[in-house]
Amino acid sequence: MIKSVIVGAGRVGSATALLLAEEDQRVSLVSRSGTGADHPNIERIAADAADRATMLRLSVGAEAIYDCANPAYHRWPTDWPPIASSLLQAARECKAVLVTLSNLYGYGPVDHPMREDDELAATSVKGRVRARMWEEAKAAHDSGQVRACEARASDFFGPGDTANHLGRMIPRVLAGKTVRVIGSPDTPHSWTYVPDVARTLVVLARDERAWGRPWHVPTNPPLSQREVVAELAALAGLPAPEVRRISNWLITALGVASPMLRELREVTYQLERPFVLDSSAVTQTFGLEPTPMREAIAATLESVAHK
């Protein structure tokens, strides 16, 4: 039985684990809590992914290592480097393909749809953290030490998840209350569906054409936050509620008590100006298409409405 190691038991890690388990693969799902997807082929393991000896032991015999970890937002500079280094070493010594799930922070603000060959020109702390992770993995790949690639996605959404920008809108839409958003309600924004992320990770791990470069997860044409709210309301059979912007001064004030909001300040450009992903390369190369946006939003809405 083929073995895979997945680090991170959140929405993407668990979705990827289930995809592999349902193919009769043996999956080690590693997280600090030891939680995640439940399936006879999934072994949920409580461990620190930054512990090199532990990850080496867990990765012996693995065909692929999937890095779907998600350290606390305000701890990226301290928590990401040792995790990335640990998984890179495990992949190198165990001869496993390393597939890292990333985002678009590394590009920094751009004025065009982001492509994989754009420069990693971020100046934000979190953007540079993500850029360095890929630069180190790419250098190891290019020198023949490891087989590595990276999947980059925009803001996640998917069934059962109300912890992201789109998910947080749903309870207020269903209650007919004003939806308050960070940044402009009317700028185009890309949204990536979690099941599409999981499908992409599995394909990239298995196809040698994927290795040595980044890929954008298949993602639908952008929608503004106001358009997302309108679509959610239409699917729920409700009138679209009012959408209002959260003032910058309020975000600053709330950031005093909330590390998450405090850290958002350096990347608010993503919600102030067009933030659009071009995923044509992964479609042209592997035939991967995004789940139609209306279908994806409907599945997300239904999962929250029936909780």
C-alpha atoms as a PDB file:
ATOM      1  CA  MET A   1       0.000   0.000   0.000  1.00  0.00           C
ATOM      2  CA  ILE A   2       1.333   3.442  -0.987  1.00  0.00           C
ATOM      3  CA  LYS A   3       2.116   5.735   1.927  1.00  0.00           C
ATOM      4  CA  SER A   4       1.750   9.514   2.064  1.00  0.00           C
ATOM      5  CA  VAL A   5       2.507  11.968   4.873  1.00  0.00           C
ATOM      6  CA  ILE A   6       0.357  15.071   5.274  1.00  0.00           C
ATOM      7  CA  VAL A   7       1.366  17.800   7.699  1.00  0.00           C
ATOM      8  CA  GLY A   8      -1.560  19.916   8.842  1.00  0.00           C
ATOM      9  CA  ALA A   9      -5.022  18.597   9.707  1.00  0.00           C
ATOM     10  CA  GLY A  10      -7.024  21.666   8.722  1.00  0.00           C
ATOM     11  CA  ARG A  11      -9.524  21.834   5.887  1.00  0.00           C
ATOM     12  CA  VAL A  12      -6.999  21.274   3.087  1.00  0.00           C
ATOM     13  CA  GLY A  13      -4.897  18.674   4.888  1.00  0.00           C
ATOM     14  CA  SER A  14      -7.972  16.686   5.870  1.00  0.00           C
ATOM     15  CA  ALA A  15      -9.517  16.930   2.390  1.00  0.00           C
ATOM     16  CA  THR A  16      -6.273  15.720   0.826  1.00  0.00           C
ATOM     17  CA  ALA A  17      -5.986  12.886   3.338  1.00  0.00           C
ATOM     18  CA  LEU A  18      -9.502  11.684   2.513  1.00  0.00           C
ATOM     19  CA  LEU A  19      -8.825  11.771  -1.238  1.00  0.00           C
ATOM     20  CA  LEU A  20      -5.770   9.570  -0.792  1.00  0.00           C
ATOM     21  CA  ALA A  21      -7.379   7.282   1.768  1.00  0.00           C
ATOM     22  CA  GLU A  22     -10.331   6.633  -0.522  1.00  0.00           C
ATOM     23  CA  GLU A  23      -7.814   5.499  -3.171  1.00  0.00           C
ATOM     24  CA  ASP A  24      -6.646   2.889  -0.640  1.00  0.00           C
ATOM     25  CA  GLN A  25      -3.466   4.751   0.249  1.00  0.00           C
ATOM     26  CA  ARG A  26      -2.058   4.719   3.763  1.00  0.00           C
ATOM     27  CA  VAL A  27      -1.950   8.273   5.121  1.00  0.00           C
ATOM     28  CA  SER A  28      -0.114   9.644   8.131  1.00  0.00           C
ATOM     29  CA  LEU A  29      -1.906  12.889   9.046  1.00  0.00           C
ATOM     30  CA  VAL A  30       0.398  14.883  11.299  1.00  0.00           C
ATOM     31  CA  SER A  31      -0.629  17.828  13.457  1.00  0.00           C
ATOM     32  CA  ARG A  32       0.076  19.155  16.911  1.00  0.00           C
ATOM     33  CA  SER A  33      -3.393  18.117  18.061  1.00  0.00           C
ATOM     34  CA  GLY A  34      -3.499  14.715  16.400  1.00  0.00           C
ATOM     35  CA  THR A  35      -6.946  15.488  14.974  1.00  0.00           C
ATOM     36  CA  GLY A  36      -8.309  15.637  11.418  1.00  0.00           C
ATOM     37  CA  ALA A  37     -10.131  13.479   8.902  1.00  0.00           C
ATOM     38  CA  ASP A  38     -11.387  10.098  10.097  1.00  0.00           C
ATOM     39  CA  HIS A  39     -10.912   7.066   7.824  1.00  0.00           C
ATOM     40  CA  PRO A  40      -9.572   3.529   8.331  1.00  0.00           C
ATOM     41  CA  ASN A  41      -6.583   4.334   6.093  1.00  0.00           C
ATOM     42  CA  ILE A  42      -5.693   7.529   7.969  1.00  0.00           C
ATOM     43  CA  GLU A  43      -3.469   7.454  11.021  1.00  0.00           C
ATOM     44  CA  ARG A  44      -3.818  10.708  12.942  1.00  0.00           C
ATOM     45  CA  ILE A  45      -0.552  11.545  14.661  1.00  0.00           C
ATOM     46  CA  ALA A  46       0.148  14.234  17.262  1.00  0.00           C
ATOM     47  CA  ALA A  47       3.628  15.594  16.556  1.00  0.00           C
ATOM     48  CA  ASP A  48       5.616  18.777  16.020  1.00  0.00           C
ATOM     49  CA  ALA A  49       6.464  19.072  12.322  1.00  0.00           C
ATOM     50  CA  ALA A  50       9.489  21.216  13.209  1.00  0.00           C
ATOM     51  CA  ASP A  51      11.047  18.223  14.994  1.00  0.00           C
ATOM     52  CA  ARG A  52      13.401  16.840  12.332  1.00  0.00           C
ATOM     53  CA  ALA A  53      13.969  13.463  13.939  1.00  0.00           C
ATOM     54  CA  THR A  54      10.242  12.880  14.308  1.00  0.00           C
ATOM     55  CA  MET A  55       9.455  13.846  10.723  1.00  0.00           C
ATOM     56  CA  LEU A  56      12.255  11.666   9.394  1.00  0.00           C
ATOM     57  CA  ARG A  57      10.869   8.705  11.292  1.00  0.00           C
ATOM     58  CA  LEU A  58       7.303   9.324  10.153  1.00  0.00           C
ATOM     59  CA  SER A  59       8.311   9.848   6.518  1.00  0.00           C
ATOM     60  CA  VAL A  60      10.241   6.615   5.968  1.00  0.00           C
ATOM     61  CA  GLY A  61       8.668   4.816   3.010  1.00  0.00           C
ATOM     62  CA  ALA A  62       6.486   7.768   1.988  1.00  0.00           C
ATOM     63  CA  GLU A  63       5.886   8.430  -1.688  1.00  0.00           C
ATOM     64  CA  ALA A  64       5.024  12.072  -1.008  1.00  0.00           C
ATOM     65  CA  ILE A  65       5.016  14.624   1.796  1.00  0.00           C
ATOM     66  CA  TYR A  66       2.287  17.248   1.636  1.00  0.00           C
ATOM     67  CA  ASP A  67       2.978  20.443   3.572  1.00  0.00           C
ATOM     68  CA  CYS A  68      -0.475  21.763   4.467  1.00  0.00           C
ATOM     69  CA  ALA A  69       0.610  23.221   7.794  1.00  0.00           C
ATOM     70  CA  ASN A  70      -0.846  26.525   8.962  1.00  0.00           C
ATOM     71  CA  PRO A  71       0.997  28.108  11.882  1.00  0.00           C
ATOM     72  CA  ALA A  72      -0.730  30.857  13.842  1.00  0.00           C
ATOM     73  CA  TYR A  73      -0.924  33.905  11.583  1.00  0.00           C
ATOM     74  CA  HIS A  74       1.109  36.157  13.876  1.00  0.00           C
ATOM     75  CA  ARG A  75       3.811  33.496  14.326  1.00  0.00           C
ATOM     76  CA  TRP A  76       4.758  32.878  10.701  1.00  0.00           C
ATOM     77  CA  PRO A  77       8.269  34.380  10.978  1.00  0.00           C
ATOM     78  CA  THR A  78       9.161  32.131  13.909  1.00  0.00           C
ATOM     79  CA  ASP A  79       7.164  28.958  13.204  1.00  0.00           C
ATOM     80  CA  TRP A  80       7.358  28.521   9.423  1.00  0.00           C
ATOM     81  CA  PRO A  81      11.147  28.313   8.842  1.00  0.00           C
ATOM     82  CA  PRO A  82      11.793  25.322  11.128  1.00  0.00           C
ATOM     83  CA  ILE A  83       8.756  23.453   9.765  1.00  0.00           C
ATOM     84  CA  ALA A  84       9.792  24.062   6.154  1.00  0.00           C
ATOM     85  CA  SER A  85      13.384  23.045   6.882  1.00  0.00           C
ATOM     86  CA  SER A  86      12.273  19.887   8.690  1.00  0.00           C
ATOM     87  CA  LEU A  87      10.007  18.756   5.841  1.00  0.00           C
ATOM     88  CA  LEU A  88      12.616  19.562   3.212  1.00  0.00           C
ATOM     89  CA  GLN A  89      15.120  17.367   5.042  1.00  0.00           C
ATOM     90  CA  ALA A  90      12.571  14.558   5.437  1.00  0.00           C
ATOM     91  CA  ALA A  91      11.753  14.633   1.718  1.00  0.00           C
ATOM     92  CA  ARG A  92      15.433  14.661   0.792  1.00  0.00           C
ATOM     93  CA  GLU A  93      16.464  11.772   3.011  1.00  0.00           C
ATOM     94  CA  CYS A  94      13.358   9.662   2.413  1.00  0.00           C
ATOM     95  CA  LYS A  95      13.305  10.271  -1.366  1.00  0.00           C
ATOM     96  CA  ALA A  96       9.726  11.562  -1.176  1.00  0.00           C
ATOM     97  CA  VAL A  97       8.189  14.250  -3.383  1.00  0.00           C
ATOM     98  CA  LEU A  98       7.582  17.428  -1.381  1.00  0.00           C
ATOM     99  CA  VAL A  99       4.397  19.304  -2.299  1.00  0.00           C
ATOM    100  CA  THR A 100       3.931  22.558  -0.407  1.00  0.00           C
ATOM    101  CA  LEU A 101       0.632  24.380  -0.187  1.00  0.00           C
ATOM    102  CA  SER A 102       1.232  28.128  -0.370  1.00  0.00           C
ATOM    103  CA  ASN A 103      -0.601  31.345  -1.161  1.00  0.00           C
ATOM    104  CA  LEU A 104      -0.096  34.522  -3.182  1.00  0.00           C
ATOM    105  CA  TYR A 105       1.596  36.628  -0.504  1.00  0.00           C
ATOM    106  CA  GLY A 106       5.045  36.181  -2.031  1.00  0.00           C
ATOM    107  CA  TYR A 107       4.192  38.268  -5.094  1.00  0.00           C
ATOM    108  CA  GLY A 108       3.355  41.389  -3.123  1.00  0.00           C
ATOM    109  CA  PRO A 109       1.014  44.011  -4.633  1.00  0.00           C
ATOM    110  CA  VAL A 110       0.697  43.657  -8.408  1.00  0.00           C
ATOM    111  CA  ASP A 111      -1.474  45.399 -11.010  1.00  0.00           C
ATOM    112  CA  HIS A 112      -2.270  42.366 -13.173  1.00  0.00           C
ATOM    113  CA  PRO A 113      -3.553  38.800 -12.759  1.00  0.00           C
ATOM    114  CA  MET A 114      -0.827  36.901 -10.937  1.00  0.00           C
ATOM    115  CA  ARG A 115       1.055  34.202 -12.859  1.00  0.00           C
ATOM    116  CA  GLU A 116       3.554  31.636 -11.638  1.00  0.00           C
ATOM    117  CA  ASP A 117       6.438  33.341 -13.450  1.00  0.00           C
ATOM    118  CA  ASP A 118       5.869  36.667 -11.680  1.00  0.00           C
ATOM    119  CA  GLU A 119       8.709  37.812  -9.450  1.00  0.00           C
ATOM    120  CA  LEU A 120       8.413  37.078  -5.732  1.00  0.00           C
ATOM    121  CA  ALA A 121       8.719  40.743  -4.833  1.00  0.00           C
ATOM    122  CA  ALA A 122       6.838  40.920  -1.534  1.00  0.00           C
ATOM    123  CA  THR A 123       8.152  43.356   1.057  1.00  0.00           C
ATOM    124  CA  SER A 124       5.746  42.315   3.830  1.00  0.00           C
ATOM    125  CA  VAL A 125       7.089  40.080   6.580  1.00  0.00           C
ATOM    126  CA  LYS A 126       4.649  37.259   5.847  1.00  0.00           C
ATOM    127  CA  GLY A 127       5.180  37.564   2.101  1.00  0.00           C
ATOM    128  CA  ARG A 128       8.942  37.231   2.455  1.00  0.00           C
ATOM    129  CA  VAL A 129       8.524  34.205   4.717  1.00  0.00           C
ATOM    130  CA  ARG A 130       6.532  32.403   2.032  1.00  0.00           C
ATOM    131  CA  ALA A 131       8.900  33.517  -0.732  1.00  0.00           C
ATOM    132  CA  ARG A 132      11.962  32.242   1.125  1.00  0.00           C
ATOM    133  CA  MET A 133      10.345  28.869   1.710  1.00  0.00           C
ATOM    134  CA  TRP A 134       9.895  28.344  -2.012  1.00  0.00           C
ATOM    135  CA  GLU A 135      13.325  29.749  -2.885  1.00  0.00           C
ATOM    136  CA  GLU A 136      14.961  27.223  -0.557  1.00  0.00           C
ATOM    137  CA  ALA A 137      12.882  24.314  -1.861  1.00  0.00           C
ATOM    138  CA  LYS A 138      13.561  25.333  -5.468  1.00  0.00           C
ATOM    139  CA  ALA A 139      17.311  25.537  -4.813  1.00  0.00           C
ATOM    140  CA  ALA A 140      17.260  22.041  -3.307  1.00  0.00           C
ATOM    141  CA  HIS A 141      15.289  20.752  -6.288  1.00  0.00           C
ATOM    142  CA  ASP A 142      17.569  22.396  -8.837  1.00  0.00           C
ATOM    143  CA  SER A 143      20.633  20.890  -7.176  1.00  0.00           C
ATOM    144  CA  GLY A 144      19.143  17.396  -7.371  1.00  0.00           C
ATOM    145  CA  GLN A 145      18.669  16.972  -3.629  1.00  0.00           C
ATOM    146  CA  VAL A 146      14.882  16.665  -3.697  1.00  0.00           C
ATOM    147  CA  ARG A 147      11.817  16.646  -5.939  1.00  0.00           C
ATOM    148  CA  ALA A 148       9.668  19.603  -4.937  1.00  0.00           C
ATOM    149  CA  CYS A 149       6.841  21.775  -6.189  1.00  0.00           C
ATOM    150  CA  GLU A 150       4.450  24.322  -4.746  1.00  0.00           C
ATOM    151  CA  ALA A 151       0.691  24.894  -5.133  1.00  0.00           C
ATOM    152  CA  ARG A 152      -0.435  28.492  -4.675  1.00  0.00           C
ATOM    153  CA  ALA A 153      -4.029  29.405  -3.934  1.00  0.00           C
ATOM    154  CA  SER A 154      -6.022  32.521  -3.158  1.00  0.00           C
ATOM    155  CA  ASP A 155      -8.413  32.869  -0.201  1.00  0.00           C
ATOM    156  CA  PHE A 156      -9.828  29.451   0.705  1.00  0.00           C
ATOM    157  CA  PHE A 157     -13.489  28.638   1.118  1.00  0.00           C
ATOM    158  CA  GLY A 158     -15.360  25.379   1.301  1.00  0.00           C
ATOM    159  CA  PRO A 159     -17.910  23.250   3.140  1.00  0.00           C
ATOM    160  CA  GLY A 160     -18.006  23.705   6.891  1.00  0.00           C
ATOM    161  CA  ASP A 161     -15.517  26.561   7.015  1.00  0.00           C
ATOM    162  CA  THR A 162     -16.581  29.885   8.529  1.00  0.00           C
ATOM    163  CA  ALA A 163     -13.108  30.998   9.565  1.00  0.00           C
ATOM    164  CA  ASN A 164     -12.220  32.706   6.279  1.00  0.00           C
ATOM    165  CA  HIS A 165     -13.405  35.885   4.557  1.00  0.00           C
ATOM    166  CA  LEU A 166     -16.145  34.187   2.551  1.00  0.00           C
ATOM    167  CA  GLY A 167     -17.215  31.807   5.292  1.00  0.00           C
ATOM    168  CA  ARG A 168     -17.644  34.603   7.815  1.00  0.00           C
ATOM    169  CA  MET A 169     -20.203  36.239   5.536  1.00  0.00           C
ATOM    170  CA  ILE A 170     -22.604  33.277   5.597  1.00  0.00           C
ATOM    171  CA  PRO A 171     -24.152  33.542   9.101  1.00  0.00           C
ATOM    172  CA  ARG A 172     -24.887  37.225   8.584  1.00  0.00           C
ATOM    173  CA  VAL A 173     -26.389  36.650   5.140  1.00  0.00           C
ATOM    174  CA  LEU A 174     -28.632  33.922   6.540  1.00  0.00           C
ATOM    175  CA  ALA A 175     -29.687  36.203   9.394  1.00  0.00           C
ATOM    176  CA  GLY A 176     -30.397  39.089   7.029  1.00  0.00           C
ATOM    177  CA  LYS A 177     -27.866  41.271   8.816  1.00  0.00           C
ATOM    178  CA  THR A 178     -25.452  43.820   7.371  1.00  0.00           C
ATOM    179  CA  VAL A 179     -22.251  42.141   6.203  1.00  0.00           C
ATOM    180  CA  ARG A 180     -19.142  44.052   7.206  1.00  0.00           C
ATOM    181  CA  VAL A 181     -16.007  43.418   5.171  1.00  0.00           C
ATOM    182  CA  ILE A 182     -12.350  44.347   5.337  1.00  0.00           C
ATOM    183  CA  GLY A 183     -11.165  46.438   2.399  1.00  0.00           C
ATOM    184  CA  SER A 184     -13.195  47.473  -0.605  1.00  0.00           C
ATOM    185  CA  PRO A 185     -16.490  45.629  -1.172  1.00  0.00           C
ATOM    186  CA  ASP A 186     -16.216  46.172  -4.922  1.00  0.00           C
ATOM    187  CA  THR A 187     -12.731  45.190  -6.099  1.00  0.00           C
ATOM    188  CA  PRO A 188     -12.286  41.873  -7.986  1.00  0.00           C
ATOM    189  CA  HIS A 189     -10.934  39.084  -5.788  1.00  0.00           C
ATOM    190  CA  SER A 190     -10.045  35.447  -6.471  1.00  0.00           C
ATOM    191  CA  TRP A 191     -11.507  32.727  -4.232  1.00  0.00           C
ATOM    192  CA  THR A 192     -10.141  29.159  -4.265  1.00  0.00           C
ATOM    193  CA  TYR A 193     -12.328  26.165  -3.365  1.00  0.00           C
ATOM    194  CA  VAL A 194     -10.798  23.740  -0.855  1.00  0.00           C
ATOM    195  CA  PRO A 195     -11.742  20.514  -2.723  1.00  0.00           C
ATOM    196  CA  ASP A 196      -9.989  21.937  -5.803  1.00  0.00           C
ATOM    197  CA  VAL A 197      -6.867  22.524  -3.712  1.00  0.00           C
ATOM    198  CA  ALA A 198      -6.833  18.913  -2.515  1.00  0.00           C
ATOM    199  CA  ARG A 199      -7.274  17.541  -6.053  1.00  0.00           C
ATOM    200  CA  THR A 200      -4.425  19.711  -7.285  1.00  0.00           C
ATOM    201  CA  LEU A 201      -2.007  18.663  -4.558  1.00  0.00           C
ATOM    202  CA  VAL A 202      -2.521  14.990  -5.369  1.00  0.00           C
ATOM    203  CA  VAL A 203      -1.978  15.536  -9.101  1.00  0.00           C
ATOM    204  CA  LEU A 204       1.190  17.586  -8.550  1.00  0.00           C
ATOM    205  CA  ALA A 205       2.704  14.935  -6.295  1.00  0.00           C
ATOM    206  CA  ARG A 206       2.320  12.238  -8.959  1.00  0.00           C
ATOM    207  CA  ASP A 207       3.254  13.976 -12.190  1.00  0.00           C
ATOM    208  CA  GLU A 208       6.929  14.726 -12.778  1.00  0.00           C
ATOM    209  CA  ARG A 209       5.960  17.591 -15.074  1.00  0.00           C
ATOM    210  CA  ALA A 210       4.878  19.429 -11.930  1.00  0.00           C
ATOM    211  CA  TRP A 211       8.155  19.196 -10.066  1.00  0.00           C
ATOM    212  CA  GLY A 212      10.584  22.079  -9.799  1.00  0.00           C
ATOM    213  CA  ARG A 213       8.113  24.923 -10.161  1.00  0.00           C
ATOM    214  CA  PRO A 214       5.033  26.536  -8.596  1.00  0.00           C
ATOM    215  CA  TRP A 215       1.469  26.062  -9.839  1.00  0.00           C
ATOM    216  CA  HIS A 216      -1.684  28.051  -9.228  1.00  0.00           C
ATOM    217  CA  VAL A 217      -4.642  25.989  -8.052  1.00  0.00           C
ATOM    218  CA  PRO A 218      -7.531  26.098 -10.561  1.00  0.00           C
ATOM    219  CA  THR A 219      -9.631  29.083  -9.552  1.00  0.00           C
ATOM    220  CA  ASN A 220     -12.756  30.685 -10.991  1.00  0.00           C
ATOM    221  CA  PRO A 221     -12.922  34.234 -12.380  1.00  0.00           C
ATOM    222  CA  PRO A 222     -12.862  36.792  -9.558  1.00  0.00           C
ATOM    223  CA  LEU A 223     -15.849  38.116  -7.641  1.00  0.00           C
ATOM    224  CA  SER A 224     -15.947  41.167  -5.421  1.00  0.00           C
ATOM    225  CA  GLN A 225     -17.006  40.731  -1.804  1.00  0.00           C
ATOM    226  CA  ARG A 226     -20.324  42.399  -2.627  1.00  0.00           C
ATOM    227  CA  GLU A 227     -20.886  39.939  -5.487  1.00  0.00           C
ATOM    228  CA  VAL A 228     -20.169  37.004  -3.173  1.00  0.00           C
ATOM    229  CA  VAL A 229     -22.721  38.293  -0.667  1.00  0.00           C
ATOM    230  CA  ALA A 230     -25.299  38.688  -3.443  1.00  0.00           C
ATOM    231  CA  GLU A 231     -24.640  35.133  -4.673  1.00  0.00           C
ATOM    232  CA  LEU A 232     -24.942  33.694  -1.166  1.00  0.00           C
ATOM    233  CA  ALA A 233     -28.238  35.512  -0.650  1.00  0.00           C
ATOM    234  CA  ALA A 234     -29.612  34.399  -4.024  1.00  0.00           C
ATOM    235  CA  LEU A 235     -28.756  30.760  -3.337  1.00  0.00           C
ATOM    236  CA  ALA A 236     -30.400  31.007   0.087  1.00  0.00           C
ATOM    237  CA  GLY A 237     -33.527  32.561  -1.446  1.00  0.00           C
ATOM    238  CA  LEU A 238     -33.032  35.746   0.538  1.00  0.00           C
ATOM    239  CA  PRO A 239     -32.696  39.410  -0.391  1.00  0.00           C
ATOM    240  CA  ALA A 240     -29.093  40.592  -0.527  1.00  0.00           C
ATOM    241  CA  PRO A 241     -28.183  42.347   2.718  1.00  0.00           C
ATOM    242  CA  GLU A 242     -26.322  45.609   2.947  1.00  0.00           C
ATOM    243  CA  VAL A 243     -22.543  45.396   2.656  1.00  0.00           C
ATOM    244  CA  ARG A 244     -20.413  47.865   4.561  1.00  0.00           C
ATOM    245  CA  ARG A 245     -16.689  48.341   4.826  1.00  0.00           C
ATOM    246  CA  ILE A 246     -15.010  48.068   8.232  1.00  0.00           C
ATOM    247  CA  SER A 247     -13.136  51.312   8.789  1.00  0.00           C
ATOM    248  CA  ASN A 248      -9.350  51.198   9.020  1.00  0.00           C
ATOM    249  CA  TRP A 249      -9.389  52.917  12.398  1.00  0.00           C
ATOM    250  CA  LEU A 250     -11.647  50.178  13.793  1.00  0.00           C
ATOM    251  CA  ILE A 251      -9.347  47.443  12.462  1.00  0.00           C
ATOM    252  CA  THR A 252      -6.428  49.210  14.132  1.00  0.00           C
ATOM    253  CA  ALA A 253      -8.325  49.515  17.406  1.00  0.00           C
ATOM    254  CA  LEU A 254      -9.449  45.875  17.394  1.00  0.00           C
ATOM    255  CA  GLY A 255      -5.915  44.822  16.510  1.00  0.00           C
ATOM    256  CA  VAL A 256      -4.769  45.856  19.973  1.00  0.00           C
ATOM    257  CA  ALA A 257      -6.516  42.777  21.361  1.00  0.00           C
ATOM    258  CA  SER A 258      -6.477  40.536  18.285  1.00  0.00           C
ATOM    259  CA  PRO A 259      -3.128  39.339  16.860  1.00  0.00           C
ATOM    260  CA  MET A 260      -4.940  38.169  13.717  1.00  0.00           C
ATOM    261  CA  LEU A 261      -6.382  41.606  12.930  1.00  0.00           C
ATOM    262  CA  ARG A 262      -3.119  43.285  13.849  1.00  0.00           C
ATOM    263  CA  GLU A 263      -1.226  41.143  11.350  1.00  0.00           C
ATOM    264  CA  LEU A 264      -3.755  41.803   8.581  1.00  0.00           C
ATOM    265  CA  ARG A 265      -2.619  45.394   8.271  1.00  0.00           C
ATOM    266  CA  GLU A 266       0.436  44.592   6.166  1.00  0.00           C
ATOM    267  CA  VAL A 267      -1.590  42.608   3.602  1.00  0.00           C
ATOM    268  CA  THR A 268      -4.796  44.643   3.391  1.00  0.00           C
ATOM    269  CA  TYR A 269      -3.779  45.585  -0.161  1.00  0.00           C
ATOM    270  CA  GLN A 270      -5.209  42.172  -1.106  1.00  0.00           C
ATOM    271  CA  LEU A 271      -8.701  43.463  -0.293  1.00  0.00           C
ATOM    272  CA  GLU A 272      -8.198  47.092  -1.284  1.00  0.00           C
ATOM    273  CA  ARG A 273      -7.193  46.543  -4.904  1.00  0.00           C
ATOM    274  CA  PRO A 274      -7.798  43.817  -7.501  1.00  0.00           C
ATOM    275  CA  PHE A 275      -6.327  40.539  -6.273  1.00  0.00           C
ATOM    276  CA  VAL A 276      -6.638  38.092  -9.136  1.00  0.00           C
ATOM    277  CA  LEU A 277      -5.022  34.717  -9.803  1.00  0.00           C
ATOM    278  CA  ASP A 278      -4.378  33.309 -13.278  1.00  0.00           C
ATOM    279  CA  SER A 279      -4.591  29.508 -13.074  1.00  0.00           C
ATOM    280  CA  SER A 280      -4.520  28.765 -16.800  1.00  0.00           C
ATOM    281  CA  ALA A 281      -1.174  26.904 -16.608  1.00  0.00           C
ATOM    282  CA  VAL A 282      -2.454  24.104 -14.385  1.00  0.00           C
ATOM    283  CA  THR A 283      -5.524  23.701 -16.582  1.00  0.00           C
ATOM    284  CA  GLN A 284      -3.526  23.585 -19.809  1.00  0.00           C
ATOM    285  CA  THR A 285      -0.934  21.158 -18.406  1.00  0.00           C
ATOM    286  CA  PHE A 286      -3.007  18.779 -16.278  1.00  0.00           C
ATOM    287  CA  GLY A 287      -6.580  19.427 -17.404  1.00  0.00           C
ATOM    288  CA  LEU A 288      -7.580  20.586 -13.923  1.00  0.00           C
ATOM    289  CA  GLU A 289     -10.612  22.889 -13.911  1.00  0.00           C
ATOM    290  CA  PRO A 290     -12.118  24.732 -10.947  1.00  0.00           C
ATOM    291  CA  THR A 291     -15.433  23.575  -9.576  1.00  0.00           C
ATOM    292  CA  PRO A 292     -18.007  26.022 -11.001  1.00  0.00           C
ATOM    293  CA  MET A 293     -18.282  28.955  -8.603  1.00  0.00           C
ATOM    294  CA  ARG A 294     -22.029  28.735  -8.090  1.00  0.00           C
ATOM    295  CA  GLU A 295     -21.759  25.020  -7.267  1.00  0.00           C
ATOM    296  CA  ALA A 296     -18.865  25.642  -4.857  1.00  0.00           C
ATOM    297  CA  ILE A 297     -20.633  28.498  -3.066  1.00  0.00           C
ATOM    298  CA  ALA A 298     -23.841  26.454  -2.851  1.00  0.00           C
ATOM    299  CA  ALA A 299     -22.013  23.521  -1.220  1.00  0.00           C
ATOM    300  CA  THR A 300     -20.340  25.861   1.256  1.00  0.00           C
ATOM    301  CA  LEU A 301     -23.612  27.609   2.090  1.00  0.00           C
ATOM    302  CA  GLU A 302     -25.474  24.328   2.567  1.00  0.00           C
ATOM    303  CA  SER A 303     -22.846  22.936   4.917  1.00  0.00           C
ATOM    304  CA  VAL A 304     -23.032  25.996   7.169  1.00  0.00           C
ATOM    305  CA  ALA A 305     -26.818  26.374   7.012  1.00  0.00           C
ATOM    306  CA  HIS A 306     -27.336  22.758   8.136  1.00  0.00           C
ATOM    307  CA  LYS A 307     -24.755  22.688  10.896  1.00  0.00           C
END
